[in-house]
């Protein structure tokens, strides 16, 4: 699945992220993708684990999720904007 993410990312033509932040259940896939593009993968983010200090300021951040849960995404993006990432991109599998 990590290679599937790489194919999707390549098709989009977006610049590579500085860091990858997976949602619950996506850590292994995110790690495979991170290995392919040689980028660090942060611990899985969930509503119960909110250590946003692990995200580098001014980083281009990629969120990786199984499905688009609009409420969860809004909550996470709101929290992450407190640390001023340069850009937040989102890839979902479904």
N, C-alpha and C. Protein backbone atom coordinates (compact mmCIF):
# COMPACT_ATOMS: atom_id res chain seq x y z
N UNK A 1 0.81 -1.20 0.00
CA UNK A 1 0.00 0.00 0.00
C UNK A 1 0.86 1.27 0.00
N UNK A 2 2.04 1.20 0.57
CA UNK A 2 2.92 2.35 0.54
C UNK A 2 3.28 2.75 -0.88
N UNK A 3 3.46 1.75 -1.74
CA UNK A 3 3.77 2.05 -3.14
C UNK A 3 2.55 2.64 -3.85
N UNK A 4 1.34 2.23 -3.44
CA UNK A 4 0.12 2.83 -3.99
C UNK A 4 0.06 4.32 -3.65
N UNK A 5 0.41 4.66 -2.41
CA UNK A 5 0.45 6.07 -2.03
C UNK A 5 1.46 6.83 -2.88
N UNK A 6 2.61 6.20 -3.13
CA UNK A 6 3.63 6.86 -3.94
C UNK A 6 3.10 7.13 -5.36
N UNK A 7 2.42 6.16 -5.94
CA UNK A 7 1.86 6.33 -7.29
C UNK A 7 0.85 7.47 -7.30
N UNK A 8 -0.03 7.50 -6.30
CA UNK A 8 -1.03 8.56 -6.23
C UNK A 8 -0.35 9.93 -6.06
N UNK A 9 0.64 9.99 -5.20
CA UNK A 9 1.36 11.24 -4.96
C UNK A 9 2.04 11.71 -6.25
N UNK A 10 2.68 10.79 -6.93
CA UNK A 10 3.37 11.11 -8.17
C UNK A 10 2.40 11.64 -9.23
N UNK A 11 1.22 11.03 -9.31
CA UNK A 11 0.21 11.49 -10.28
C UNK A 11 -0.26 12.91 -9.97
N UNK A 12 -0.33 13.25 -8.70
CA UNK A 12 -0.75 14.60 -8.32
C UNK A 12 0.29 15.65 -8.69
N UNK A 13 1.55 15.23 -8.72
CA UNK A 13 2.63 16.16 -9.05
C UNK A 13 2.95 17.15 -7.95
N UNK A 14 2.57 16.82 -6.73
CA UNK A 14 2.83 17.72 -5.60
C UNK A 14 4.28 17.57 -5.13
N UNK A 15 4.86 18.62 -4.56
CA UNK A 15 6.20 18.50 -3.96
C UNK A 15 6.17 17.50 -2.80
N UNK A 16 7.29 16.85 -2.56
CA UNK A 16 7.35 15.88 -1.47
C UNK A 16 7.18 16.57 -0.12
N UNK A 17 6.54 15.89 0.83
CA UNK A 17 6.37 16.47 2.16
C UNK A 17 7.67 16.42 2.94
N UNK A 18 7.76 17.26 3.97
CA UNK A 18 8.90 17.20 4.88
C UNK A 18 8.69 16.13 5.94
N UNK A 19 7.43 15.95 6.35
CA UNK A 19 7.07 14.97 7.37
C UNK A 19 5.74 14.33 7.00
N UNK A 20 5.54 13.10 7.46
CA UNK A 20 4.29 12.37 7.21
C UNK A 20 3.65 12.08 8.55
N UNK A 21 2.37 12.39 8.66
CA UNK A 21 1.62 12.18 9.89
C UNK A 21 0.43 11.28 9.60
N UNK A 22 0.50 10.00 9.98
CA UNK A 22 -0.61 9.09 9.71
C UNK A 22 -1.70 9.19 10.78
N UNK A 23 -2.92 8.94 10.36
CA UNK A 23 -4.02 8.80 11.31
C UNK A 23 -4.02 7.37 11.83
N UNK A 24 -4.88 7.11 12.80
CA UNK A 24 -4.99 5.77 13.38
C UNK A 24 -5.12 4.71 12.29
N UNK A 25 -4.41 3.62 12.46
CA UNK A 25 -4.50 2.50 11.54
C UNK A 25 -3.70 2.66 10.25
N UNK A 26 -2.97 3.75 10.11
CA UNK A 26 -2.24 4.01 8.88
C UNK A 26 -0.72 4.06 9.07
N UNK A 27 -0.25 3.75 10.26
CA UNK A 27 1.18 3.89 10.55
C UNK A 27 2.04 3.02 9.64
N UNK A 28 1.70 1.76 9.47
CA UNK A 28 2.52 0.86 8.66
C UNK A 28 2.58 1.32 7.20
N UNK A 29 1.44 1.70 6.65
CA UNK A 29 1.39 2.17 5.26
C UNK A 29 2.19 3.46 5.11
N UNK A 30 2.03 4.35 6.08
CA UNK A 30 2.77 5.62 6.04
C UNK A 30 4.27 5.37 6.14
N UNK A 31 4.68 4.39 6.96
CA UNK A 31 6.10 4.07 7.07
C UNK A 31 6.66 3.53 5.76
N UNK A 32 5.88 2.69 5.08
CA UNK A 32 6.31 2.18 3.77
C UNK A 32 6.48 3.33 2.78
N UNK A 33 5.52 4.24 2.77
CA UNK A 33 5.58 5.41 1.89
C UNK A 33 6.77 6.29 2.26
N UNK A 34 6.96 6.51 3.55
CA UNK A 34 8.09 7.31 4.02
C UNK A 34 9.43 6.72 3.62
N UNK A 35 9.53 5.39 3.68
CA UNK A 35 10.77 4.72 3.25
C UNK A 35 11.02 4.95 1.76
N UNK A 36 9.96 4.89 0.97
CA UNK A 36 10.09 5.08 -0.48
C UNK A 36 10.56 6.49 -0.84
N UNK A 37 10.07 7.48 -0.12
CA UNK A 37 10.42 8.86 -0.45
C UNK A 37 11.48 9.44 0.50
N UNK A 38 11.95 8.60 1.41
CA UNK A 38 13.00 8.97 2.36
C UNK A 38 12.62 10.21 3.18
N UNK A 39 11.44 10.13 3.80
CA UNK A 39 10.94 11.21 4.66
C UNK A 39 10.53 10.62 6.00
N UNK A 40 10.66 11.38 7.09
CA UNK A 40 10.29 10.87 8.41
C UNK A 40 8.78 10.74 8.58
N UNK A 41 8.42 9.69 9.30
CA UNK A 41 7.02 9.43 9.64
C UNK A 41 6.86 9.64 11.13
N UNK A 42 5.92 10.48 11.51
CA UNK A 42 5.67 10.77 12.91
C UNK A 42 4.75 9.70 13.50
N UNK A 43 4.70 9.58 14.83
CA UNK A 43 3.77 8.62 15.44
C UNK A 43 2.34 8.90 14.98
N UNK A 44 1.53 7.85 14.92
CA UNK A 44 0.15 7.98 14.45
C UNK A 44 -0.62 8.99 15.28
N UNK A 45 -1.39 9.82 14.61
CA UNK A 45 -2.17 10.88 15.25
C UNK A 45 -3.59 10.38 15.45
N UNK A 46 -4.12 10.60 16.63
CA UNK A 46 -5.53 10.28 16.90
C UNK A 46 -6.07 11.34 17.83
N UNK A 47 -7.37 11.31 18.01
CA UNK A 47 -7.98 12.32 18.87
C UNK A 47 -7.53 12.18 20.31
N UNK A 48 -7.03 11.00 20.69
CA UNK A 48 -6.57 10.82 22.06
C UNK A 48 -5.07 11.11 22.21
N UNK A 49 -4.35 11.17 21.11
CA UNK A 49 -2.92 11.48 21.14
C UNK A 49 -2.72 12.75 20.34
N UNK A 50 -2.44 13.84 21.03
CA UNK A 50 -2.34 15.11 20.34
C UNK A 50 -1.02 15.81 20.66
N UNK A 51 0.06 15.18 20.34
CA UNK A 51 1.38 15.76 20.58
C UNK A 51 1.82 16.52 19.34
N UNK A 52 1.23 17.72 19.14
CA UNK A 52 1.52 18.46 17.91
C UNK A 52 2.92 19.06 17.90
N UNK A 53 3.59 19.06 19.04
CA UNK A 53 4.95 19.59 19.08
C UNK A 53 5.91 18.77 18.24
N UNK A 54 5.53 17.54 17.88
CA UNK A 54 6.41 16.68 17.09
C UNK A 54 6.48 17.15 15.63
N UNK A 55 5.56 18.02 15.22
CA UNK A 55 5.55 18.54 13.86
C UNK A 55 6.47 19.76 13.79
N UNK A 56 7.36 19.76 12.83
CA UNK A 56 8.30 20.88 12.68
C UNK A 56 7.58 22.12 12.15
N UNK A 57 7.92 23.26 12.75
CA UNK A 57 7.38 24.52 12.26
C UNK A 57 7.89 24.76 10.84
N UNK A 58 7.06 25.32 10.01
CA UNK A 58 7.37 25.61 8.61
C UNK A 58 7.59 24.34 7.77
N UNK A 59 7.11 23.20 8.24
CA UNK A 59 7.25 21.96 7.49
C UNK A 59 6.08 21.80 6.52
N UNK A 60 6.34 21.13 5.43
CA UNK A 60 5.29 20.71 4.51
C UNK A 60 4.85 19.34 5.04
N UNK A 61 3.62 19.25 5.50
CA UNK A 61 3.13 18.08 6.22
C UNK A 61 2.12 17.31 5.38
N UNK A 62 2.24 15.99 5.38
CA UNK A 62 1.28 15.13 4.71
C UNK A 62 0.51 14.33 5.74
N UNK A 63 -0.81 14.47 5.76
CA UNK A 63 -1.67 13.64 6.59
C UNK A 63 -2.12 12.46 5.75
N UNK A 64 -2.05 11.25 6.31
CA UNK A 64 -2.46 10.04 5.61
C UNK A 64 -3.59 9.40 6.39
N UNK A 65 -4.72 9.18 5.71
CA UNK A 65 -5.92 8.67 6.37
C UNK A 65 -6.55 7.56 5.53
N UNK A 66 -7.27 6.64 6.19
CA UNK A 66 -8.00 5.60 5.46
C UNK A 66 -9.19 6.18 4.72
N UNK A 67 -9.98 6.94 5.44
CA UNK A 67 -11.20 7.53 4.88
C UNK A 67 -11.25 9.00 5.26
N UNK A 68 -12.03 9.74 4.55
CA UNK A 68 -12.18 11.16 4.84
C UNK A 68 -13.27 11.34 5.88
N UNK A 69 -12.86 11.52 7.12
CA UNK A 69 -13.78 11.84 8.22
C UNK A 69 -13.67 13.34 8.43
N UNK A 70 -14.62 14.06 7.88
CA UNK A 70 -14.54 15.51 7.83
C UNK A 70 -14.37 16.15 9.21
N UNK A 71 -15.08 15.65 10.21
CA UNK A 71 -14.96 16.23 11.56
C UNK A 71 -13.57 16.02 12.14
N UNK A 72 -13.04 14.81 11.99
CA UNK A 72 -11.71 14.52 12.52
C UNK A 72 -10.64 15.35 11.80
N UNK A 73 -10.76 15.46 10.49
CA UNK A 73 -9.80 16.24 9.71
C UNK A 73 -9.82 17.71 10.15
N UNK A 74 -11.01 18.28 10.30
CA UNK A 74 -11.12 19.68 10.74
C UNK A 74 -10.45 19.88 12.09
N UNK A 75 -10.69 18.94 13.01
CA UNK A 75 -10.11 19.02 14.36
C UNK A 75 -8.58 18.98 14.29
N UNK A 76 -8.05 18.05 13.53
CA UNK A 76 -6.60 17.89 13.43
C UNK A 76 -5.96 19.10 12.76
N UNK A 77 -6.55 19.56 11.66
CA UNK A 77 -5.98 20.72 10.96
C UNK A 77 -6.02 21.95 11.85
N UNK A 78 -7.10 22.13 12.59
CA UNK A 78 -7.18 23.27 13.51
C UNK A 78 -6.05 23.21 14.54
N UNK A 79 -5.81 22.03 15.11
CA UNK A 79 -4.74 21.88 16.09
C UNK A 79 -3.36 22.10 15.46
N UNK A 80 -3.17 21.59 14.26
CA UNK A 80 -1.87 21.70 13.61
C UNK A 80 -1.55 23.13 13.18
N UNK A 81 -2.55 23.91 12.85
CA UNK A 81 -2.28 25.29 12.42
C UNK A 81 -1.69 26.13 13.54
N UNK A 82 -1.81 25.68 14.79
CA UNK A 82 -1.21 26.40 15.91
C UNK A 82 0.32 26.44 15.83
N UNK A 83 0.90 25.47 15.13
CA UNK A 83 2.37 25.43 15.03
C UNK A 83 2.86 25.97 13.69
N UNK A 84 1.97 26.47 12.88
CA UNK A 84 2.30 27.13 11.62
C UNK A 84 3.08 26.25 10.64
N UNK A 85 2.54 25.07 10.27
CA UNK A 85 3.21 24.33 9.21
C UNK A 85 3.12 25.13 7.91
N UNK A 86 4.08 24.92 7.04
CA UNK A 86 4.10 25.65 5.76
C UNK A 86 2.88 25.27 4.93
N UNK A 87 2.57 23.99 4.88
CA UNK A 87 1.45 23.49 4.09
C UNK A 87 1.02 22.16 4.66
N UNK A 88 -0.28 21.87 4.60
CA UNK A 88 -0.81 20.59 5.02
C UNK A 88 -1.52 19.97 3.83
N UNK A 89 -1.07 18.79 3.40
CA UNK A 89 -1.73 18.04 2.34
C UNK A 89 -2.37 16.81 2.98
N UNK A 90 -3.37 16.26 2.32
CA UNK A 90 -4.08 15.10 2.83
C UNK A 90 -4.27 14.08 1.72
N UNK A 91 -3.89 12.84 2.00
CA UNK A 91 -4.18 11.72 1.11
C UNK A 91 -5.04 10.72 1.86
N UNK A 92 -6.13 10.29 1.24
CA UNK A 92 -6.96 9.24 1.83
C UNK A 92 -6.99 8.06 0.87
N UNK A 93 -7.14 6.85 1.44
CA UNK A 93 -7.20 5.66 0.60
C UNK A 93 -8.57 5.48 -0.03
N UNK A 94 -9.61 5.88 0.69
CA UNK A 94 -10.98 5.69 0.19
C UNK A 94 -11.76 6.97 0.30
